[in-house]
Protein backbone atom coordinates (compact mmCIF):
# COMPACT_ATOMS: atom_id res chain seq x y z
CA MET A 1 14.19 15.31 95.61
CA LYS A 2 12.54 14.54 93.26
CA ASN A 3 12.66 18.03 91.87
CA SER A 4 16.04 18.56 93.49
CA LYS A 5 17.07 15.94 90.55
CA LYS A 6 14.97 17.69 87.82
CA ARG A 7 16.32 20.68 88.44
CA LYS A 8 19.80 19.70 88.26
CA LEU A 9 18.98 17.88 85.16
CA ARG A 10 17.03 20.65 83.39
CA GLU A 11 20.73 23.09 84.29
CA VAL A 12 22.71 20.07 82.91
CA ASN A 13 21.00 20.12 79.62
CA TYR A 14 20.93 23.77 80.06
CA LEU A 15 24.43 23.91 79.91
CA LEU A 16 24.83 21.23 76.96
CA ARG A 17 22.37 23.05 74.90
CA LYS A 18 24.67 26.75 75.40
CA VAL A 19 27.84 24.95 74.58
CA ARG A 20 26.31 23.38 71.51
CA ARG A 21 25.24 26.47 70.70
CA ARG A 22 28.78 28.26 71.20
CA LEU A 23 30.58 25.44 69.17
CA LYS A 24 28.19 25.57 66.53
CA ARG A 25 28.62 29.18 65.94
CA ARG A 26 32.20 28.81 66.45
CA ARG A 27 32.48 26.36 63.40
CA ARG A 28 30.23 29.02 61.26
CA TYR A 29 32.47 31.95 62.08
CA LYS A 30 35.77 29.58 60.93
CA VAL A 31 33.42 28.93 57.51
CA ARG A 32 32.93 32.20 56.93
CA GLU A 33 36.64 33.47 57.39
CA LYS A 34 37.43 30.66 55.14
CA HIS A 35 35.15 31.99 52.85
CA LYS A 36 36.32 35.65 53.26
CA ILE A 37 39.99 34.51 52.93
CA VAL A 38 38.98 32.91 49.53
CA LYS A 39 36.13 34.81 48.27
CA ARG A 40 38.31 37.04 45.80
CA LYS A 41 37.88 35.70 42.77
CA ILE A 42 41.26 36.78 40.75
CA LEU A 43 41.33 35.81 37.69
CA TYR A 44 44.22 37.10 34.80
CA SER A 45 43.08 35.80 31.84
CA GLU A 46 40.55 38.46 29.67
CA LEU A 47 38.86 35.87 28.02
CA LEU A 48 37.66 34.59 31.59
CA LYS A 49 37.30 38.11 32.93
CA PHE A 50 34.74 38.61 30.15
CA LEU A 51 32.92 35.59 30.59
CA TYR A 52 32.56 36.34 33.88
CA GLU A 53 31.41 40.49 33.59
CA ARG A 54 28.82 39.05 31.09
CA ASP A 55 27.36 36.58 34.15
CA PHE A 56 28.50 33.23 31.74
CA THR A 57 28.19 31.50 34.92
CA LYS A 58 26.10 28.65 36.66
CA LYS A 59 23.95 29.95 39.56
CA SER A 60 24.56 27.42 42.33
CA THR A 61 25.97 26.81 45.80
CA ILE A 62 29.52 25.36 46.33
CA SER A 63 30.12 22.05 45.28
CA LYS A 64 30.08 20.34 49.14
CA SER A 65 33.57 18.42 47.60
CA GLU A 66 36.65 19.79 46.47
CA ILE A 67 36.17 18.63 43.31
CA ALA A 68 33.45 19.63 41.14
CA ASN A 69 31.43 16.91 39.13
CA ILE A 70 30.46 17.72 35.62
CA ARG A 71 27.91 15.03 33.79
CA ILE A 72 27.83 15.53 30.29
CA PRO A 73 24.36 15.54 29.12
CA LYS A 74 23.28 12.17 26.96
CA LYS A 75 23.51 14.93 23.75
CA PHE A 76 26.32 17.33 23.67
CA SER A 77 25.67 19.79 21.05
CA PHE A 78 25.07 23.05 19.90
CA SER A 79 22.54 22.05 17.41
CA GLU A 80 20.77 18.93 18.82
CA ASN A 81 20.35 20.42 22.69
CA PRO A 82 21.46 24.40 23.06
CA ASN A 83 20.59 24.49 26.41
CA GLY A 84 21.87 21.97 28.03
CA THR A 85 24.85 22.50 26.33
CA ILE A 86 25.10 26.12 27.30
CA HIS A 87 24.08 25.23 30.87
CA VAL A 88 27.45 22.54 30.95
CA LEU A 89 29.40 25.86 29.88
CA THR A 90 28.16 28.29 32.66
CA GLU A 91 28.52 24.95 35.06
CA LEU A 92 32.40 24.67 34.13
CA LEU A 93 32.96 28.37 34.64
CA TYR A 94 31.57 28.85 37.75
CA TYR A 95 33.52 25.52 39.09
CA GLY A 96 36.68 26.53 37.23
CA ILE A 97 36.69 30.02 39.06
CA GLU A 98 35.45 29.41 42.59
CA PRO A 99 38.55 29.68 44.89
CA LEU A 100 36.72 26.82 47.01
CA ILE A 101 37.19 24.20 43.74
CA ASN A 102 40.56 22.44 43.30
CA GLY A 103 39.57 20.47 40.19
CA ILE A 104 36.89 19.25 37.91
CA HIS A 105 36.20 15.46 37.10
CA PHE A 106 34.42 15.17 33.24
CA ASP A 107 31.42 12.64 33.53
CA HIS A 108 30.85 11.06 29.92
CA THR A 109 29.56 8.08 30.54
CA ASN A 110 26.04 8.67 29.92
CA CYS A 111 26.58 11.19 26.61
CA GLU A 112 25.69 9.93 23.21
CA GLU A 113 25.83 12.28 20.37
CA LEU A 114 29.00 14.55 20.90
CA GLY A 115 29.08 17.97 18.98
CA ILE A 116 32.48 18.84 17.87
CA CYS A 117 31.17 22.47 18.82
CA ALA A 118 30.27 21.98 22.53
CA SER A 119 33.41 20.26 22.88
CA THR A 120 36.07 22.62 21.80
CA VAL A 121 33.73 25.72 23.52
CA MET A 122 34.29 23.57 26.49
CA ASP A 123 37.78 22.90 25.93
CA VAL A 124 38.65 26.71 25.28
CA ILE A 125 37.49 27.24 28.48
CA LEU A 126 38.86 24.63 30.68
CA LEU A 127 42.28 25.52 28.40
CA GLU A 128 41.91 29.03 30.11
CA ILE A 129 41.04 27.99 33.43
CA ASN A 130 44.08 25.98 33.79
CA LYS A 131 45.91 28.90 32.82
CA ASN A 132 44.23 30.50 35.47
CA ASN A 133 45.65 28.04 38.06
CA ARG A 134 48.93 28.14 36.81
CA LYS A 135 49.32 31.65 37.32
CA LEU A 136 47.77 31.85 40.23
CA ARG A 137 50.18 28.48 41.73
CA ASN A 138 47.32 26.52 42.66
CA GLU A 139 47.10 22.57 41.94
CA TYR A 140 44.28 22.11 39.85
CA GLU A 141 42.78 18.68 39.83
CA ILE A 142 41.03 17.66 36.04
CA SER A 143 40.16 13.86 35.70
CA GLY A 144 37.31 12.15 34.06
CA GLU A 145 35.28 9.11 32.74
CA MET A 146 35.32 8.42 29.25
CA PRO A 147 31.98 7.34 27.19
CA LYS A 148 30.99 3.86 26.69
CA ASN A 149 30.68 5.03 22.64
CA GLU A 150 34.02 4.34 20.27
CA LYS A 151 33.22 7.32 18.33
CA ILE A 152 33.06 9.69 20.66
CA LYS A 153 35.89 8.28 22.11
CA ASP A 154 38.23 9.23 19.25
CA ILE A 155 36.73 12.82 19.31
CA LEU A 156 38.02 13.34 22.65
CA GLU A 157 40.94 11.91 21.43
CA ALA A 158 42.00 13.50 18.25
CA SER A 159 40.18 16.75 18.66
CA GLY A 160 38.72 16.90 22.06
CA ILE A 161 39.88 17.60 25.78
CA ILE A 162 42.36 14.80 25.95
CA ARG A 163 44.27 16.32 22.97
CA HIS A 164 44.20 19.97 24.50
CA LEU A 165 45.44 18.90 27.61
CA GLY A 166 48.58 17.76 25.71
CA PHE A 167 48.15 14.01 26.46
CA GLU A 168 50.43 11.99 23.79
CA ILE A 169 47.47 10.45 21.64
CA GLN A 170 48.20 7.83 18.35
CA GLU A 171 47.60 8.86 15.11
CA LYS A 172 44.25 7.27 14.02
CA LYS A 173 44.47 6.67 10.34
CA HIS A 174 40.72 7.05 9.90
CA ILE A 175 40.62 10.73 11.37
CA LYS A 176 41.96 13.87 9.90
CA GLU A 177 41.88 16.89 11.70
CA LEU A 178 42.05 20.71 11.28
CA PRO A 179 43.76 21.77 14.76
CA LEU A 180 42.58 24.53 16.95
CA ILE A 181 43.37 28.17 15.54
CA VAL A 182 42.96 30.83 17.77
CA GLY A 183 42.45 34.39 16.90
CA ASP A 184 41.21 38.12 17.41
CA ASN A 185 41.25 41.74 16.21
CA LYS A 186 45.23 41.65 16.08
CA LYS A 187 45.92 37.57 15.26
CA TYR A 188 45.36 35.76 11.58
CA ILE A 189 44.49 37.21 8.82
CA SER A 190 41.12 35.52 7.04
CA GLY A 191 43.10 34.70 3.89
CA ASP A 192 45.55 32.45 6.17
CA VAL A 193 42.70 31.07 8.20
CA ALA A 194 40.46 30.31 4.77
CA THR A 195 43.93 28.27 3.53
CA LYS A 196 43.53 26.11 6.23
CA VAL A 197 40.32 25.32 6.28
CA ILE A 198 39.98 24.24 2.56
CA ASP A 199 43.76 22.13 3.03
CA PHE A 200 42.25 20.51 5.47
CA TYR A 201 38.48 20.43 3.55
CA MET A 202 40.73 19.10 0.54
CA GLN A 203 42.61 16.40 3.10
CA CYS A 204 39.12 14.78 3.89
CA LEU A 205 38.09 14.44 0.05
CA GLU A 206 40.68 12.76 -0.81
CA THR A 207 39.34 10.08 1.43
CA GLN A 208 36.98 9.71 -1.11
CA SER A 209 39.12 9.92 -4.14
CA LEU A 210 37.65 13.40 -4.46
CA ILE A 211 39.54 17.05 -5.34
CA LEU A 212 38.45 20.69 -5.35
CA SER A 213 38.99 22.61 -8.36
CA LYS A 214 40.07 25.84 -8.41
CA ILE A 215 36.93 27.92 -8.91
CA GLY A 216 35.93 25.51 -5.81
CA LYS A 217 39.05 26.29 -3.74
CA LEU A 218 38.46 30.55 -4.84
CA LYS A 219 34.43 30.11 -3.78
CA MET A 220 35.51 28.70 -0.44
CA SER A 221 38.33 30.83 0.44
CA HIS A 222 36.03 34.08 -0.05
CA ILE A 223 33.12 32.04 1.57
CA ILE A 224 35.55 31.14 4.96
CA GLY A 225 37.25 34.38 4.34
CA GLU A 226 34.26 36.65 4.91
CA VAL A 227 33.04 34.43 8.02
CA ILE A 228 36.18 34.70 9.62
CA ASP A 229 36.09 38.33 9.28
CA ASN A 230 32.36 38.65 10.90
CA CYS A 231 33.64 37.13 14.00
CA GLN A 232 36.56 39.52 13.39
CA LEU A 233 34.92 42.71 13.15
CA HIS A 234 31.08 42.61 14.60
CA GLY A 235 32.84 41.03 17.55
CA GLY A 236 32.50 44.28 20.07
CA GLN A 237 35.39 45.55 22.33
CA PHE A 238 36.30 42.56 23.11
CA THR A 239 36.67 39.48 20.54
CA LYS A 240 38.19 35.98 20.67
CA TRP A 241 37.26 33.67 17.81
CA TYR A 242 38.41 29.91 17.08
CA THR A 243 37.63 26.94 14.88
CA LEU A 244 38.49 23.69 14.56
CA GLY A 245 37.71 20.76 12.12
CA HIS A 246 37.56 16.85 12.38
CA TYR A 247 37.05 14.03 10.30
CA HIS A 248 35.73 11.13 10.65
CA GLN A 249 35.79 8.27 8.11
CA PHE A 250 33.43 5.25 8.51
CA ASP A 251 34.74 1.71 7.67
CA GLU A 252 31.49 -0.23 7.68
CA LYS A 253 30.17 -1.97 4.96
CA ASN A 254 27.59 0.06 4.26
CA LYS A 255 29.11 3.29 4.88
CA ASN A 256 31.65 4.00 2.71
CA TYR A 257 31.15 7.83 3.24
CA GLY A 258 32.59 10.29 5.66
CA GLU A 259 31.07 12.70 8.43
CA CYS A 260 32.90 15.98 9.22
CA HIS A 261 32.62 18.73 11.30
CA LEU A 262 33.48 22.38 11.37
CA VAL A 263 33.43 24.56 13.86
CA ILE A 264 33.65 28.51 13.76
CA PHE A 265 33.00 30.45 16.99
CA ASN A 266 33.85 33.90 18.92
CA PHE A 267 33.87 35.16 22.33
CA GLY A 268 32.30 39.16 22.18
CA ASP A 269 28.96 41.26 21.41
CA THR A 270 26.43 38.26 19.97
CA ILE A 271 24.75 39.17 16.38
CA TYR A 272 21.57 41.32 18.36
CA GLU A 273 24.09 43.32 20.55
CA ASN A 274 25.83 44.17 17.60
CA LEU A 275 23.13 45.35 15.71
CA LYS A 276 21.48 47.54 18.29
CA SER A 277 25.34 49.54 18.96
CA SER A 278 26.53 49.49 15.52
CA ALA A 279 24.33 49.11 12.87
CA PRO A 280 24.39 51.79 10.34
CA LYS A 281 20.81 54.26 10.30
CA GLU A 282 19.21 52.69 7.17
CA LEU A 283 19.73 48.61 8.58
CA LEU A 284 18.48 49.88 12.01
CA ASP A 285 15.31 51.33 10.62
CA SER A 286 14.62 48.30 8.68
CA LEU A 287 15.45 46.28 11.85
CA LYS A 288 12.87 48.41 13.42
CA ASN A 289 10.40 48.43 10.90
CA MET A 290 10.41 44.59 11.03
CA THR A 291 9.89 45.12 15.32
CA LYS A 292 6.71 45.98 14.41
CA LYS A 293 5.46 44.06 11.70
CA HIS A 294 6.48 41.33 14.31
CA VAL A 295 5.39 42.40 17.57
CA SER A 296 1.68 40.95 17.47
CA TYR A 297 3.40 37.24 16.46
CA PHE A 298 6.08 37.73 19.50
CA ARG A 299 5.87 35.13 21.94
CA LYS A 300 8.45 33.11 24.31
CA ASN A 301 10.04 31.47 21.50
CA TRP A 302 10.09 34.35 19.05
CA LYS A 303 11.16 37.88 20.30
CA GLU A 304 12.73 40.56 18.70
CA GLU A 305 15.94 39.23 19.08
CA SER A 306 15.60 36.00 17.51
CA LEU A 307 13.78 37.66 14.48
CA TRP A 308 17.27 40.89 14.15
CA THR A 309 19.55 37.93 13.94
CA LEU A 310 17.47 35.40 11.78
CA TYR A 311 17.55 39.22 9.65
CA ALA A 312 20.84 39.76 9.89
CA LEU A 313 21.87 36.41 8.15
CA GLN A 314 19.75 36.92 4.48
CA GLU A 315 21.52 38.51 1.52
CA GLY A 316 23.16 41.52 1.78
CA VAL A 317 22.66 42.74 5.18
CA SER A 318 25.09 43.56 7.12
CA ARG A 319 26.29 46.12 9.49
CA LEU A 320 29.59 47.53 7.56
CA ARG A 321 27.81 46.78 4.04
CA ASP A 322 28.34 49.50 1.60
CA LYS A 323 26.04 49.89 -1.34
CA LYS A 324 29.43 50.73 -3.13
CA SER A 325 32.62 49.91 -2.13
CA ALA A 326 31.07 46.51 -0.76
CA PRO A 327 27.98 45.67 -2.27
CA ASP A 328 28.27 41.59 -1.77
CA ARG A 329 28.87 41.38 2.18
CA GLY A 330 26.73 40.00 4.50
CA THR A 331 26.60 36.60 2.44
CA GLY A 332 29.36 34.24 3.80
CA THR A 333 27.52 32.10 6.85
CA MET A 334 24.55 31.65 4.63
CA LYS A 335 26.51 30.24 1.49
CA LEU A 336 28.65 28.36 3.76
CA ILE A 337 25.85 26.52 5.19
CA ASN A 338 23.81 26.53 2.04
CA SER A 339 26.71 24.99 -0.56
CA PHE A 340 27.05 22.10 2.36
CA GLN A 341 23.67 21.49 2.75
CA GLU A 342 23.96 20.94 -1.06
CA ILE A 343 26.81 18.45 -1.22
CA GLY A 344 26.73 17.22 2.69
CA LYS A 345 24.18 14.84 1.82
CA THR A 346 24.55 10.96 1.71
CA ILE A 347 23.42 8.33 -1.23
CA ASP A 348 21.25 6.27 1.77
CA GLY A 349 19.81 9.31 3.09
CA GLU A 350 21.98 10.75 5.91
CA LEU A 351 21.08 14.81 5.81
CA PRO A 352 23.95 17.38 7.27
CA ILE A 353 23.06 19.42 10.46
CA MET A 354 23.88 22.64 11.06
CA SER A 355 22.99 25.70 13.50
CA ILE A 356 24.38 29.14 14.88
CA THR A 357 23.55 30.32 18.11
CA SER A 358 24.38 33.56 19.36
CA GLY A 359 23.06 35.26 22.45
CA ARG A 360 19.55 33.80 23.20
CA ALA A 361 18.82 32.94 19.80
CA HIS A 362 18.96 29.77 18.40
CA ILE A 363 18.86 28.49 14.48
CA TYR A 364 18.54 25.35 13.26
CA PHE A 365 19.26 24.17 9.71
CA ASP A 366 17.83 20.63 8.77
CA ASN A 367 17.41 21.10 5.29
CA LYS A 368 13.45 21.71 5.56
CA TYR A 369 13.81 24.82 4.45
CA ARG A 370 16.22 26.55 1.68
CA MET A 371 17.54 30.28 0.90
CA MET A 372 15.72 31.25 -2.69
CA LYS A 373 15.02 34.28 -4.54
CA ASN A 374 11.07 34.82 -4.01
CA ASN A 375 9.00 36.88 -6.61
CA ASN A 376 8.83 40.05 -4.41
CA GLU A 377 12.53 39.90 -3.15
CA ASP A 378 15.50 41.01 -4.85
CA ARG A 379 17.88 38.54 -3.04
CA TYR A 380 18.24 35.18 -1.59
CA VAL A 381 16.15 35.22 1.94
CA ILE A 382 15.49 32.18 4.02
CA ALA A 383 12.49 32.91 6.23
CA PHE A 384 12.04 29.04 7.68
CA ASN A 385 7.99 29.13 6.87
CA LYS A 386 6.24 27.95 4.20
CA ASN A 387 5.95 30.81 1.70
CA ASN A 388 9.64 31.88 2.18
CA ASP A 389 8.22 35.12 3.72
CA LEU A 390 10.51 37.66 5.97
CA ASN A 391 7.30 39.48 7.31
CA LYS A 392 5.75 35.79 8.75
CA PRO A 393 7.24 34.11 11.83
CA PRO A 394 9.52 30.88 11.18
CA ASP A 395 9.01 27.57 12.04
CA TYR A 396 9.69 27.40 15.66
CA ASN A 397 11.38 24.15 15.63
CA ASN A 398 14.02 25.81 13.64
CA VAL A 399 14.19 29.73 14.86
CA LYS A 400 13.57 30.24 18.58
CA MET A 401 14.62 31.48 21.64
CA LEU A 402 16.93 29.94 24.35
CA ASP A 403 16.59 29.63 28.09
CA GLU A 404 20.05 30.02 28.44
CA TYR A 405 22.19 33.17 27.27
CA PHE A 406 25.61 32.29 25.02
CA PRO A 407 27.87 34.99 25.12
CA GLY A 408 28.99 35.27 21.64
CA THR A 409 28.16 33.66 17.96
CA VAL A 410 28.62 29.50 17.26
CA ILE A 411 28.55 28.37 13.55
CA SER A 412 27.86 24.64 14.44
CA LEU A 413 28.41 22.22 11.00
CA LYS A 414 28.04 18.58 10.53
CA PHE A 415 27.91 17.59 7.08
CA TYR A 416 29.24 14.07 4.84
CA ILE A 417 31.23 13.67 2.07
CA ASP A 418 30.16 10.77 0.18
CA LYS A 419 32.20 10.20 -3.21
CA LYS A 420 28.99 8.16 -4.94
CA TYR A 421 26.47 11.12 -3.83
CA ILE A 422 28.25 13.83 -5.03
CA GLN A 423 28.95 12.06 -8.68
CA ASP A 424 25.18 11.57 -8.72
CA LYS A 425 24.36 15.10 -7.63
CA LEU A 426 27.35 16.21 -10.25
CA GLU A 427 25.74 14.20 -13.68
CA SER A 428 22.23 14.94 -12.71
CA GLU A 429 23.29 18.97 -13.00
CA GLY A 430 25.33 17.65 -16.13
CA VAL A 431 28.21 18.77 -14.54
């Protein structure tokens, strides 16, 4: 009897296991079929198509929830945390075009430093995701948690995600804005954009009872115009560029100045990619010669891509430079950065912070190194080393390779407008 009971029990257990396996297989089949139905990513946006083709997505499994959670890091800034910032952007694109995800929740609670540039690039991608879902007639939820920092709240409301999603925000007197300008090879000529940037800058100066002279306007217009031209001309077959400004006037007793942010970036070919594919023979030979000189210095943080990106910023270097018709091309970006390094400090020692990120190359300007004319160079150069020698490797704190890749070029500027500092500087120069 005992044996027969045991045998029957084994038979029952066997049948139960068989049923469980069949149910499990059926559940897996249903999940696979569901994935097959929604697997195809339909992208109406040219920008999303471009980013997807450039593999600008986070490699990850699908979120367990239909609402993906994106945590904004402590420092969300191209200048201060480029790898962490780009990682968040790839995560956003991944969740934004994944058919199984029906919304994104942004968590800013731990964010203590928000770069306008990082915020703007994120908003541009999010707006394209939103537009794509509307065309697909998908209900897509966008939600978030605000940071504790009041200054970051102001940025998000005046020039960030809250403003760009179309929420009505009460105007704040201590903030000035240059609304997002979007262009490509067909829209907006550089002169129009330069005028808008200068008008914004003049509004910022007025908060400190300062004005920009006619000569200053002309110089700044030329510099901004060339930077925008570079975005239009050097981005390759797909080029989309953007600019935005944000100014915050401090009202504390010990801070009688304002903080200004200016963002200029484009999606398209990186500086390195553009040089490899389109540089004239003379420039390409010069770049290859630089590679030969540096090959023994190449390490994880210093490679041909960062070398060529740095070299492209030097005075007179431009893939479209013509010695007869345009002898001064290739100077706009560095003149822009040098100008704000020169006047963008405060009387109590706050320094401007600026950066250029293109592909995997990252260049950080912190006033330690300046552009200058060397004895052996008939032009102004900045090599980011003690001897300012382009034949030697740079300081890896200022020029380095990133783990993450950005498909385009980002110029991020944060500087200050301090009346007392500017007046002292003009007096010391006898102006």
